[in-house]
Protein backbone atom coordinates (compact mmCIF):
# COMPACT_ATOMS: atom_id res chain seq x y z
CA MET A 1 11.07 -20.66 12.59
CA LYS A 2 14.74 -20.00 13.35
CA LEU A 3 13.80 -18.21 16.55
CA ILE A 4 11.69 -21.13 17.76
CA HIS A 5 14.51 -23.59 16.88
CA ALA A 6 17.08 -21.45 18.74
CA ARG A 7 14.85 -21.33 21.84
CA LEU A 8 14.34 -25.10 21.73
CA VAL A 9 18.10 -25.71 21.43
CA LYS A 10 18.86 -23.34 24.32
CA SER A 11 16.17 -24.80 26.53
CA SER A 12 17.24 -28.34 25.72
CA ARG A 13 20.82 -27.52 26.78
CA ARG A 14 19.78 -26.20 30.17
CA PRO A 15 18.58 -29.54 31.53
CA ALA A 16 21.81 -31.20 30.39
CA SER A 17 23.95 -28.61 32.16
CA TRP A 18 21.75 -28.85 35.26
CA LEU A 19 22.03 -32.60 35.11
CA LEU A 20 25.82 -32.39 34.92
CA CYS A 21 25.90 -29.99 37.86
CA GLY A 22 23.67 -32.34 39.86
CA VAL A 23 25.86 -35.36 39.12
CA ALA A 24 28.99 -33.38 40.06
CA ALA A 25 27.39 -32.32 43.34
CA ILE A 26 26.43 -35.91 44.17
CA LEU A 27 29.95 -37.15 43.39
CA LEU A 28 31.50 -34.44 45.55
CA ALA A 29 29.16 -35.20 48.42
CA ALA A 30 29.81 -38.93 48.14
CA GLY A 31 33.55 -38.36 47.85
CA SER A 32 33.61 -36.46 51.12
CA THR A 33 32.44 -39.58 52.95
CA LEU A 34 35.18 -41.78 51.52
CA ALA A 35 37.88 -42.69 53.99
CA ILE A 36 41.34 -41.64 52.97
CA ARG A 37 44.03 -43.74 54.57
CA ALA A 38 47.54 -42.44 54.83
CA ALA A 39 50.42 -44.84 54.55
CA PRO A 40 51.45 -46.07 58.00
CA ALA A 41 54.34 -44.19 59.51
CA ILE A 42 57.71 -45.88 59.27
CA PRO A 43 59.04 -46.52 62.76
CA ASP A 44 62.25 -44.88 63.91
CA PRO A 45 64.83 -47.71 63.94
CA CYS A 46 66.60 -46.01 66.85
CA LYS A 47 63.45 -46.62 68.94
CA LEU A 48 62.92 -50.29 68.09
CA VAL A 49 65.38 -51.35 70.81
CA THR A 50 66.10 -49.30 73.90
CA ALA A 51 69.66 -48.50 74.94
CA ALA A 52 69.13 -50.55 78.12
CA GLU A 53 67.98 -53.59 76.09
CA LEU A 54 70.92 -53.28 73.73
CA GLN A 55 73.33 -52.99 76.66
CA GLN A 56 71.95 -56.25 78.08
CA ILE A 57 72.78 -57.92 74.76
CA ALA A 58 76.02 -56.21 73.69
CA GLY A 59 77.36 -54.56 76.84
CA PRO A 60 77.94 -50.84 77.49
CA LEU A 61 77.55 -48.42 74.58
CA LYS A 62 79.70 -45.48 73.51
CA GLY A 63 77.27 -42.59 73.27
CA ALA A 64 73.80 -42.38 71.83
CA PRO A 65 72.62 -44.25 68.75
CA LYS A 66 73.20 -42.47 65.43
CA PRO A 67 70.57 -42.33 62.70
CA GLY A 68 71.51 -43.57 59.23
CA ALA A 69 72.67 -41.31 56.43
CA SER A 70 70.18 -39.26 54.44
CA GLY A 71 67.72 -41.52 52.66
CA GLU A 72 68.41 -44.49 54.94
CA VAL A 73 66.02 -45.76 57.58
CA ALA A 74 68.73 -47.03 59.90
CA CYS A 75 70.31 -46.64 63.30
CA GLU A 76 73.86 -47.48 64.33
CA TYR A 77 75.08 -48.26 67.83
CA THR A 78 78.68 -48.40 68.97
CA PRO A 79 79.38 -50.78 71.85
CA ALA A 80 82.26 -49.89 74.19
CA LYS A 81 83.85 -53.27 73.43
CA ALA A 82 83.20 -55.80 70.66
CA PRO A 83 81.39 -55.76 68.28
CA ALA A 84 82.65 -52.55 66.69
CA TRP A 85 79.14 -51.57 65.52
CA ILE A 86 75.53 -52.73 65.44
CA ARG A 87 73.16 -51.56 62.73
CA ILE A 88 69.37 -51.82 62.70
CA SER A 89 67.73 -50.85 59.43
CA LEU A 90 64.35 -51.02 57.75
CA HIS A 91 63.68 -51.72 54.09
CA ASP A 92 60.72 -52.33 51.85
CA GLY A 93 60.34 -55.23 49.47
CA GLU A 94 60.28 -58.97 49.78
CA LEU A 95 62.62 -61.17 51.81
CA GLY A 96 63.34 -63.25 48.69
CA TYR A 97 65.04 -60.23 47.13
CA TRP A 98 67.17 -59.65 50.22
CA LYS A 99 68.03 -63.34 50.45
CA THR A 100 69.20 -63.34 46.82
CA ARG A 101 71.14 -60.12 47.34
CA ASN A 102 72.66 -60.68 50.81
CA GLY A 103 71.97 -64.29 51.74
CA GLY A 104 75.24 -65.65 50.47
CA LYS A 105 75.77 -69.29 49.54
CA ASN A 106 74.25 -70.80 52.68
CA PRO A 107 71.70 -68.53 54.37
CA VAL A 108 70.34 -70.02 57.58
CA SER A 109 66.53 -70.06 57.80
CA LEU A 110 65.03 -68.57 60.93
CA PRO A 111 61.39 -69.71 61.04
CA GLU A 112 61.05 -68.34 64.58
CA PHE A 113 61.20 -64.85 63.00
CA GLY A 114 58.62 -65.56 60.31
CA THR A 115 58.34 -67.02 56.85
CA ASN A 116 61.56 -66.66 54.81
CA ALA A 117 63.48 -64.95 57.65
CA PHE A 118 67.18 -65.76 57.49
CA VAL A 119 70.63 -64.93 58.79
CA ASN A 120 73.87 -64.87 56.85
CA PRO A 121 76.64 -65.51 59.40
CA ASP A 122 79.31 -64.10 57.07
CA PHE A 123 78.23 -61.54 54.49
CA GLU A 124 81.42 -59.75 53.49
CA GLY A 125 82.65 -59.71 57.08
CA SER A 126 79.34 -59.07 58.81
CA THR A 127 76.51 -61.13 60.22
CA ASP A 128 73.15 -60.02 58.80
CA LEU A 129 69.68 -61.08 59.92
CA TYR A 130 66.58 -60.31 57.81
CA ALA A 131 62.96 -60.71 58.91
CA LYS A 132 59.71 -59.20 57.70
CA LYS A 133 56.69 -57.81 59.50
CA GLY A 134 53.90 -56.23 57.47
CA ASP A 135 55.43 -54.26 54.62
CA LEU A 136 58.80 -53.73 56.31
CA VAL A 137 61.95 -55.80 56.28
CA LEU A 138 64.05 -55.57 59.44
CA SER A 139 67.79 -55.98 59.07
CA VAL A 140 70.14 -56.36 62.03
CA SER A 141 73.87 -56.39 61.24
CA MET A 142 77.18 -56.43 63.05
CA PRO A 143 80.72 -57.65 62.36
CA LYS A 144 80.95 -61.43 62.20
CA GLY A 145 82.19 -63.20 65.30
CA PRO A 146 81.56 -66.20 67.53
CA THR A 147 78.52 -64.62 69.24
CA ALA A 148 77.25 -62.47 66.35
CA VAL A 149 74.41 -64.78 65.25
CA ASP A 150 73.06 -65.04 68.81
CA MET A 151 73.35 -61.27 69.27
CA VAL A 152 71.53 -60.31 66.04
CA LYS A 153 68.79 -62.80 66.94
CA ALA A 154 68.43 -61.30 70.43
CA ILE A 155 68.19 -57.78 68.97
CA ALA A 156 65.66 -58.88 66.33
CA ARG A 157 63.52 -60.52 69.05
CA LYS A 158 63.22 -57.09 70.70
CA ALA A 159 62.82 -55.02 67.51
CA LEU A 160 60.49 -57.11 65.33
CA PRO A 161 57.38 -56.94 67.55
CA ARG A 162 57.69 -53.13 67.63
CA LEU A 163 57.34 -52.72 63.89
């Protein structure tokens, strides 16, 4: 009787293991047809505005643009005359966070650059514009001055569509 019971137990386990193998094979086959989407590449901020476009806005440049420090997605330009520097950077997150952090007491809304876009004409000595496209926040900064707001807007008009 034990021998018959042992054979029944062994034979009853085989279909279960075959069933598990079959299910695994189906899942693997189905999984191979699933589309895997990689995160979109983050654009190079030094390529969002050409040197020629920036020269039309800010005048001649001293040398080539310089990428941001390690871990930053940024590009800095040095005009031959004023302003002393121009920085284009990309961030993630929501504009509300950036407005709270860098908007100052009276951020100026810029609806022409999208919902919640703004400029702070004087954030600790610089003029900073923030606008969002997709998942990225564009920031354009330069030292404050009488033409700084117009210049950061002109740069953002070139850069934002290229995100």
